[in-house]
PDB file of N, CA and C in Angstrom:
ATOM      1  N   MET A   1      12.344 -77.005-117.239  1.00  0.00           N
ATOM      2  CA  MET A   1      11.273 -77.768-116.642  1.00  0.00           C
ATOM      3  C   MET A   1      11.706 -78.156-115.226  1.00  0.00           C
ATOM      4  N   PRO A   2      10.827 -77.985-114.270  1.00  0.00           N
ATOM      5  CA  PRO A   2      11.191 -78.329-112.895  1.00  0.00           C
ATOM      6  C   PRO A   2      11.407 -79.842-112.729  1.00  0.00           C
ATOM      7  N   PRO A   3      12.260 -80.215-111.786  1.00  0.00           N
ATOM      8  CA  PRO A   3      12.553 -81.640-111.587  1.00  0.00           C
ATOM      9  C   PRO A   3      11.313 -82.472-111.273  1.00  0.00           C
ATOM     10  N   ARG A   4      10.396 -81.907-110.530  1.00  0.00           N
ATOM     11  CA  ARG A   4       9.188 -82.662-110.174  1.00  0.00           C
ATOM     12  C   ARG A   4       8.358 -83.004-111.415  1.00  0.00           C
ATOM     13  N   ALA A   5       8.253 -82.079-112.335  1.00  0.00           N
ATOM     14  CA  ALA A   5       7.508 -82.324-113.572  1.00  0.00           C
ATOM     15  C   ALA A   5       8.219 -83.357-114.441  1.00  0.00           C
ATOM     16  N   ARG A   6       9.560 -83.271-114.510  1.00  0.00           N
ATOM     17  CA  ARG A   6      10.316 -84.271-115.282  1.00  0.00           C
ATOM     18  C   ARG A   6      10.122 -85.662-114.700  1.00  0.00           C
ATOM     19  N   ARG A   7      10.146 -85.768-113.387  1.00  0.00           N
ATOM     20  CA  ARG A   7       9.958 -87.078-112.753  1.00  0.00           C
ATOM     21  C   ARG A   7       8.555 -87.621-113.007  1.00  0.00           C
ATOM     22  N   PHE A   8       7.565 -86.743-112.993  1.00  0.00           N
ATOM     23  CA  PHE A   8       6.198 -87.179-113.262  1.00  0.00           C
ATOM     24  C   PHE A   8       6.063 -87.690-114.695  1.00  0.00           C
ATOM     25  N   ILE A   9       6.621 -86.958-115.643  1.00  0.00           N
ATOM     26  CA  ILE A   9       6.584 -87.384-117.046  1.00  0.00           C
ATOM     27  C   ILE A   9       7.336 -88.695-117.220  1.00  0.00           C
ATOM     28  N   ALA A  10       8.477 -88.821-116.560  1.00  0.00           N
ATOM     29  CA  ALA A  10       9.253 -90.063-116.641  1.00  0.00           C
ATOM     30  C   ALA A  10       8.483 -91.229-116.033  1.00  0.00           C
ATOM     31  N   THR A  11       7.769 -90.988-114.952  1.00  0.00           N
ATOM     32  CA  THR A  11       6.964 -92.042-114.335  1.00  0.00           C
ATOM     33  C   THR A  11       5.899 -92.542-115.299  1.00  0.00           C
ATOM     34  N   LEU A  12       5.222 -91.623-115.961  1.00  0.00           N
ATOM     35  CA  LEU A  12       4.217 -92.025-116.947  1.00  0.00           C
ATOM     36  C   LEU A  12       4.860 -92.783-118.106  1.00  0.00           C
ATOM     37  N   GLY A  13       6.032 -92.329-118.524  1.00  0.00           N
ATOM     38  CA  GLY A  13       6.750 -93.014-119.596  1.00  0.00           C
ATOM     39  C   GLY A  13       7.163 -94.420-119.211  1.00  0.00           C
ATOM     40  N   VAL A  14       7.650 -94.589-117.988  1.00  0.00           N
ATOM     41  CA  VAL A  14       8.066 -95.916-117.517  1.00  0.00           C
ATOM     42  C   VAL A  14       6.869 -96.853-117.439  1.00  0.00           C
ATOM     43  N   ILE A  15       5.762 -96.381-116.894  1.00  0.00           N
ATOM     44  CA  ILE A  15       4.565 -97.221-116.784  1.00  0.00           C
ATOM     45  C   ILE A  15       4.069 -97.625-118.167  1.00  0.00           C
ATOM     46  N   GLY A  16       4.015 -96.673-119.089  1.00  0.00           N
ATOM     47  CA  GLY A  16       3.582 -96.989-120.452  1.00  0.00           C
ATOM     48  C   GLY A  16       4.522 -97.958-121.144  1.00  0.00           C
ATOM     49  N   PHE A  17       5.818 -97.723-121.005  1.00  0.00           N
ATOM     50  CA  PHE A  17       6.796 -98.610-121.628  1.00  0.00           C
ATOM     51  C   PHE A  17       6.717-100.014-121.051  1.00  0.00           C
ATOM     52  N   LEU A  18       6.606-100.131-119.732  1.00  0.00           N
ATOM     53  CA  LEU A  18       6.545-101.462-119.118  1.00  0.00           C
ATOM     54  C   LEU A  18       5.275-102.212-119.514  1.00  0.00           C
ATOM     55  N   ALA A  19       4.166-101.500-119.642  1.00  0.00           N
ATOM     56  CA  ALA A  19       2.939-102.156-120.107  1.00  0.00           C
ATOM     57  C   ALA A  19       3.140-102.708-121.520  1.00  0.00           C
ATOM     58  N   PHE A  20       3.754-101.911-122.390  1.00  0.00           N
ATOM     59  CA  PHE A  20       4.041-102.366-123.746  1.00  0.00           C
ATOM     60  C   PHE A  20       5.039-103.518-123.735  1.00  0.00           C
ATOM     61  N   TRP A  21       6.070-103.438-122.901  1.00  0.00           N
ATOM     62  CA  TRP A  21       7.105-104.475-122.828  1.00  0.00           C
ATOM     63  C   TRP A  21       6.505-105.814-122.381  1.00  0.00           C
ATOM     64  N   VAL A  22       5.673-105.787-121.356  1.00  0.00           N
ATOM     65  CA  VAL A  22       5.054-107.024-120.865  1.00  0.00           C
ATOM     66  C   VAL A  22       4.126-107.595-121.923  1.00  0.00           C
ATOM     67  N   TRP A  23       3.334-106.745-122.564  1.00  0.00           N
ATOM     68  CA  TRP A  23       2.448-107.220-123.627  1.00  0.00           C
ATOM     69  C   TRP A  23       3.262-107.857-124.753  1.00  0.00           C
ATOM     70  N   GLY A  24       4.331-107.211-125.160  1.00  0.00           N
ATOM     71  CA  GLY A  24       5.176-107.744-126.223  1.00  0.00           C
ATOM     72  C   GLY A  24       5.846-109.046-125.833  1.00  0.00           C
ATOM     73  N   ALA A  25       6.314-109.139-124.597  1.00  0.00           N
ATOM     74  CA  ALA A  25       6.977-110.367-124.143  1.00  0.00           C
ATOM     75  C   ALA A  25       6.002-111.534-124.103  1.00  0.00           C
ATOM     76  N   VAL A  26       4.816-111.302-123.597  1.00  0.00           N
ATOM     77  CA  VAL A  26       3.816-112.376-123.529  1.00  0.00           C
ATOM     78  C   VAL A  26       3.388-112.794-124.927  1.00  0.00           C
ATOM     79  N   THR A  27       3.182-111.835-125.808  1.00  0.00           N
ATOM     80  CA  THR A  27       2.791-112.149-127.180  1.00  0.00           C
ATOM     81  C   THR A  27       3.885-112.910-127.911  1.00  0.00           C
ATOM     82  N   LEU A  28       5.109-112.470-127.766  1.00  0.00           N
ATOM     83  CA  LEU A  28       6.223-113.158-128.413  1.00  0.00           C
ATOM     84  C   LEU A  28       6.423-114.558-127.843  1.00  0.00           C
ATOM     85  N   HIS A  29       6.244-114.703-126.545  1.00  0.00           N
ATOM     86  CA  HIS A  29       6.427-116.013-125.914  1.00  0.00           C
ATOM     87  C   HIS A  29       5.416-117.030-126.436  1.00  0.00           C
ATOM     88  N   ASP A  30       4.237-116.584-126.785  1.00  0.00           N
ATOM     89  CA  ASP A  30       3.224-117.500-127.334  1.00  0.00           C
ATOM     90  C   ASP A  30       3.660-118.122-128.653  1.00  0.00           C
ATOM     91  N   HIS A  31       4.555-117.480-129.372  1.00  0.00           N
ATOM     92  CA  HIS A  31       4.997-117.973-130.674  1.00  0.00           C
ATOM     93  C   HIS A  31       6.263-118.818-130.609  1.00  0.00           C
ATOM     94  N   LEU A  32       6.829-118.975-129.430  1.00  0.00           N
ATOM     95  CA  LEU A  32       8.051-119.767-129.279  1.00  0.00           C
ATOM     96  C   LEU A  32       7.712-121.234-129.031  1.00  0.00           C
ATOM     97  N   PRO A  33       8.602-122.135-129.408  1.00  0.00           N
ATOM     98  CA  PRO A  33       8.368-123.551-129.125  1.00  0.00           C
ATOM     99  C   PRO A  33       8.415-123.829-127.621  1.00  0.00           C
ATOM    100  N   ASP A  34       7.746-124.906-127.217  1.00  0.00           N
ATOM    101  CA  ASP A  34       7.739-125.293-125.805  1.00  0.00           C
ATOM    102  C   ASP A  34       8.995-126.073-125.469  1.00  0.00           C
ATOM    103  N   ALA A  35       9.929-125.401-124.850  1.00  0.00           N
ATOM    104  CA  ALA A  35      11.151-126.032-124.359  1.00  0.00           C
ATOM    105  C   ALA A  35      11.626-125.213-123.168  1.00  0.00           C
ATOM    106  N   TRP A  36      12.053-125.893-122.124  1.00  0.00           N
ATOM    107  CA  TRP A  36      12.435-125.180-120.905  1.00  0.00           C
ATOM    108  C   TRP A  36      13.641-124.278-121.133  1.00  0.00           C
ATOM    109  N   TRP A  37      14.564-124.689-121.984  1.00  0.00           N
ATOM    110  CA  TRP A  37      15.768-123.888-122.196  1.00  0.00           C
ATOM    111  C   TRP A  37      15.457-122.635-123.012  1.00  0.00           C
ATOM    112  N   ILE A  38      14.462-122.716-123.891  1.00  0.00           N
ATOM    113  CA  ILE A  38      14.033-121.520-124.630  1.00  0.00           C
ATOM    114  C   ILE A  38      13.361-120.541-123.666  1.00  0.00           C
ATOM    115  N   ASP A  39      12.527-121.074-122.768  1.00  0.00           N
ATOM    116  CA  ASP A  39      11.903-120.218-121.760  1.00  0.00           C
ATOM    117  C   ASP A  39      12.949-119.546-120.880  1.00  0.00           C
ATOM    118  N   LEU A  40      13.968-120.300-120.489  1.00  0.00           N
ATOM    119  CA  LEU A  40      15.022-119.756-119.635  1.00  0.00           C
ATOM    120  C   LEU A  40      15.739-118.587-120.315  1.00  0.00           C
ATOM    121  N   ILE A  41      16.125-118.789-121.549  1.00  0.00           N
ATOM    122  CA  ILE A  41      16.821-117.729-122.289  1.00  0.00           C
ATOM    123  C   ILE A  41      15.895-116.539-122.538  1.00  0.00           C
ATOM    124  N   PHE A  42      14.673-116.830-122.971  1.00  0.00           N
ATOM    125  CA  PHE A  42      13.734-115.760-123.296  1.00  0.00           C
ATOM    126  C   PHE A  42      13.434-114.889-122.082  1.00  0.00           C
ATOM    127  N   PHE A  43      13.101-115.516-120.965  1.00  0.00           N
ATOM    128  CA  PHE A  43      12.735-114.730-119.792  1.00  0.00           C
ATOM    129  C   PHE A  43      13.937-114.052-119.147  1.00  0.00           C
ATOM    130  N   ALA A  44      15.129-114.610-119.313  1.00  0.00           N
ATOM    131  CA  ALA A  44      16.329-113.917-118.838  1.00  0.00           C
ATOM    132  C   ALA A  44      16.547-112.632-119.636  1.00  0.00           C
ATOM    133  N   VAL A  45      16.425-112.730-120.945  1.00  0.00           N
ATOM    134  CA  VAL A  45      16.600-111.543-121.794  1.00  0.00           C
ATOM    135  C   VAL A  45      15.467-110.543-121.569  1.00  0.00           C
ATOM    136  N   ALA A  46      14.231-111.027-121.515  1.00  0.00           N
ATOM    137  CA  ALA A  46      13.092-110.132-121.313  1.00  0.00           C
ATOM    138  C   ALA A  46      13.120-109.501-119.922  1.00  0.00           C
ATOM    139  N   GLY A  47      13.576-110.247-118.935  1.00  0.00           N
ATOM    140  CA  GLY A  47      13.610-109.731-117.573  1.00  0.00           C
ATOM    141  C   GLY A  47      14.701-108.708-117.337  1.00  0.00           C
ATOM    142  N   ILE A  48      15.798-108.822-118.046  1.00  0.00           N
ATOM    143  CA  ILE A  48      16.899-107.873-117.884  1.00  0.00           C
ATOM    144  C   ILE A  48      16.807-106.754-118.914  1.00  0.00           C
ATOM    145  N   GLY A  49      16.312-107.079-120.086  1.00  0.00           N
ATOM    146  CA  GLY A  49      16.336-106.140-121.206  1.00  0.00           C
ATOM    147  C   GLY A  49      15.444-104.928-121.076  1.00  0.00           C
ATOM    148  N   TRP A  50      14.460-104.948-120.200  1.00  0.00           N
ATOM    149  CA  TRP A  50      13.560-103.805-120.110  1.00  0.00           C
ATOM    150  C   TRP A  50      14.247-102.560-119.568  1.00  0.00           C
ATOM    151  N   GLY A  51      15.285-102.735-118.789  1.00  0.00           N
ATOM    152  CA  GLY A  51      15.935-101.579-118.175  1.00  0.00           C
ATOM    153  C   GLY A  51      16.788-100.763-119.122  1.00  0.00           C
ATOM    154  N   VAL A  52      17.363-101.407-120.112  1.00  0.00           N
ATOM    155  CA  VAL A  52      18.293-100.712-121.016  1.00  0.00           C
ATOM    156  C   VAL A  52      17.619 -99.564-121.773  1.00  0.00           C
ATOM    157  N   PRO A  53      16.440 -99.751-122.368  1.00  0.00           N
ATOM    158  CA  PRO A  53      15.822 -98.627-123.086  1.00  0.00           C
ATOM    159  C   PRO A  53      15.371 -97.484-122.168  1.00  0.00           C
ATOM    160  N   LEU A  54      15.219 -97.762-120.877  1.00  0.00           N
ATOM    161  CA  LEU A  54      14.746 -96.726-119.961  1.00  0.00           C
ATOM    162  C   LEU A  54      15.864 -95.855-119.391  1.00  0.00           C
ATOM    163  N   ILE A  55      17.102 -96.231-119.591  1.00  0.00           N
ATOM    164  CA  ILE A  55      18.218 -95.476-119.022  1.00  0.00           C
ATOM    165  C   ILE A  55      18.214 -94.009-119.464  1.00  0.00           C
ATOM    166  N   PRO A  56      18.058 -93.689-120.755  1.00  0.00           N
ATOM    167  CA  PRO A  56      18.041 -92.262-121.139  1.00  0.00           C
ATOM    168  C   PRO A  56      16.888 -91.480-120.502  1.00  0.00           C
ATOM    169  N   LEU A  57      15.733 -92.103-120.387  1.00  0.00           N
ATOM    170  CA  LEU A  57      14.588 -91.429-119.775  1.00  0.00           C
ATOM    171  C   LEU A  57      14.854 -91.138-118.302  1.00  0.00           C
ATOM    172  N   LEU A  58      15.411 -92.095-117.592  1.00  0.00           N
ATOM    173  CA  LEU A  58      15.692 -91.901-116.174  1.00  0.00           C
ATOM    174  C   LEU A  58      16.823 -90.897-115.955  1.00  0.00           C
ATOM    175  N   ARG A  59      17.804 -90.886-116.827  1.00  0.00           N
ATOM    176  CA  ARG A  59      18.863 -89.867-116.728  1.00  0.00           C
ATOM    177  C   ARG A  59      18.293 -88.472-116.943  1.00  0.00           C
ATOM    178  N   TRP A  60      17.411 -88.351-117.923  1.00  0.00           N
ATOM    179  CA  TRP A  60      16.779 -87.063-118.189  1.00  0.00           C
ATOM    180  C   TRP A  60      15.963 -86.609-116.980  1.00  0.00           C
ATOM    181  N   ALA A  61      15.239 -87.524-116.361  1.00  0.00           N
ATOM    182  CA  ALA A  61      14.384 -87.169-115.233  1.00  0.00           C
ATOM    183  C   ALA A  61      15.188 -86.744-114.012  1.00  0.00           C
ATOM    184  N   GLU A  62      16.378 -87.280-113.852  1.00  0.00           N
ATOM    185  CA  GLU A  62      17.160 -87.018-112.645  1.00  0.00           C
ATOM    186  C   GLU A  62      18.273 -85.997-112.826  1.00  0.00           C
ATOM    187  N   ARG A  63      18.386 -85.403-113.988  1.00  0.00           N
ATOM    188  CA  ARG A  63      19.472 -84.438-114.171  1.00  0.00           C
ATOM    189  C   ARG A  63      19.180 -83.156-113.388  1.00  0.00           C
ATOM    190  N   ALA A  64      20.244 -82.430-113.118  1.00  0.00           N
ATOM    191  CA  ALA A  64      20.123 -81.174-112.377  1.00  0.00           C
ATOM    192  C   ALA A  64      19.419 -80.131-113.240  1.00  0.00           C
ATOM    193  N   PRO A  65      18.666 -79.223-112.635  1.00  0.00           N
ATOM    194  CA  PRO A  65      17.935 -78.219-113.418  1.00  0.00           C
ATOM    195  C   PRO A  65      18.825 -77.328-114.272  1.00  0.00           C
ATOM    196  N   ASP A  66      20.064 -77.073-113.860  1.00  0.00           N
ATOM    197  CA  ASP A  66      20.936 -76.190-114.630  1.00  0.00           C
ATOM    198  C   ASP A  66      21.844 -76.945-115.589  1.00  0.00           C
ATOM    199  N   ASP A  67      21.749 -78.255-115.639  1.00  0.00           N
ATOM    200  CA  ASP A  67      22.614 -79.079-116.487  1.00  0.00           C
ATOM    201  C   ASP A  67      21.931 -79.318-117.833  1.00  0.00           C
ATOM    202  N   ARG A  68      22.119 -78.423-118.782  1.00  0.00           N
ATOM    203  CA  ARG A  68      21.461 -78.534-120.083  1.00  0.00           C
ATOM    204  C   ARG A  68      22.382 -79.077-121.161  1.00  0.00           C
ATOM    205  N   THR A  69      23.630 -79.358-120.845  1.00  0.00           N
ATOM    206  CA  THR A  69      24.575 -79.805-121.869  1.00  0.00           C
ATOM    207  C   THR A  69      24.578 -81.311-122.055  1.00  0.00           C
ATOM    208  N   LYS A  70      24.110 -82.091-121.092  1.00  0.00           N
ATOM    209  CA  LYS A  70      24.185 -83.548-121.170  1.00  0.00           C
ATOM    210  C   LYS A  70      22.916 -84.191-121.709  1.00  0.00           C
ATOM    211  N   ALA A  71      21.881 -83.452-121.970  1.00  0.00           N
ATOM    212  CA  ALA A  71      20.633 -84.057-122.431  1.00  0.00           C
ATOM    213  C   ALA A  71      20.739 -84.270-123.889  1.00  0.00           C
TER     214      ALA A  71
END
C-alpha cells in the first residue's frame, strides 16, 4: 500500500478514535462525583491517555514501503 493511502487511512482512524474517546470521556465524567481532585486526575489521564492506543496506527502509517517485517 502506498504511503499516501496509509496516511489517509490513519487520518480517518485517528479522527474516528478521537471522536469516540471524547464521547467516552464526557460520558464517563458525568458519572463521577463532583470533586476538583477527581476532575484533575480524570482529565490528566484522559488528556494523556488518548495517545497510547494510537501509537501502533501511527507507526503503521509512517513505516517505509519496503519495511514489511515490523508491522
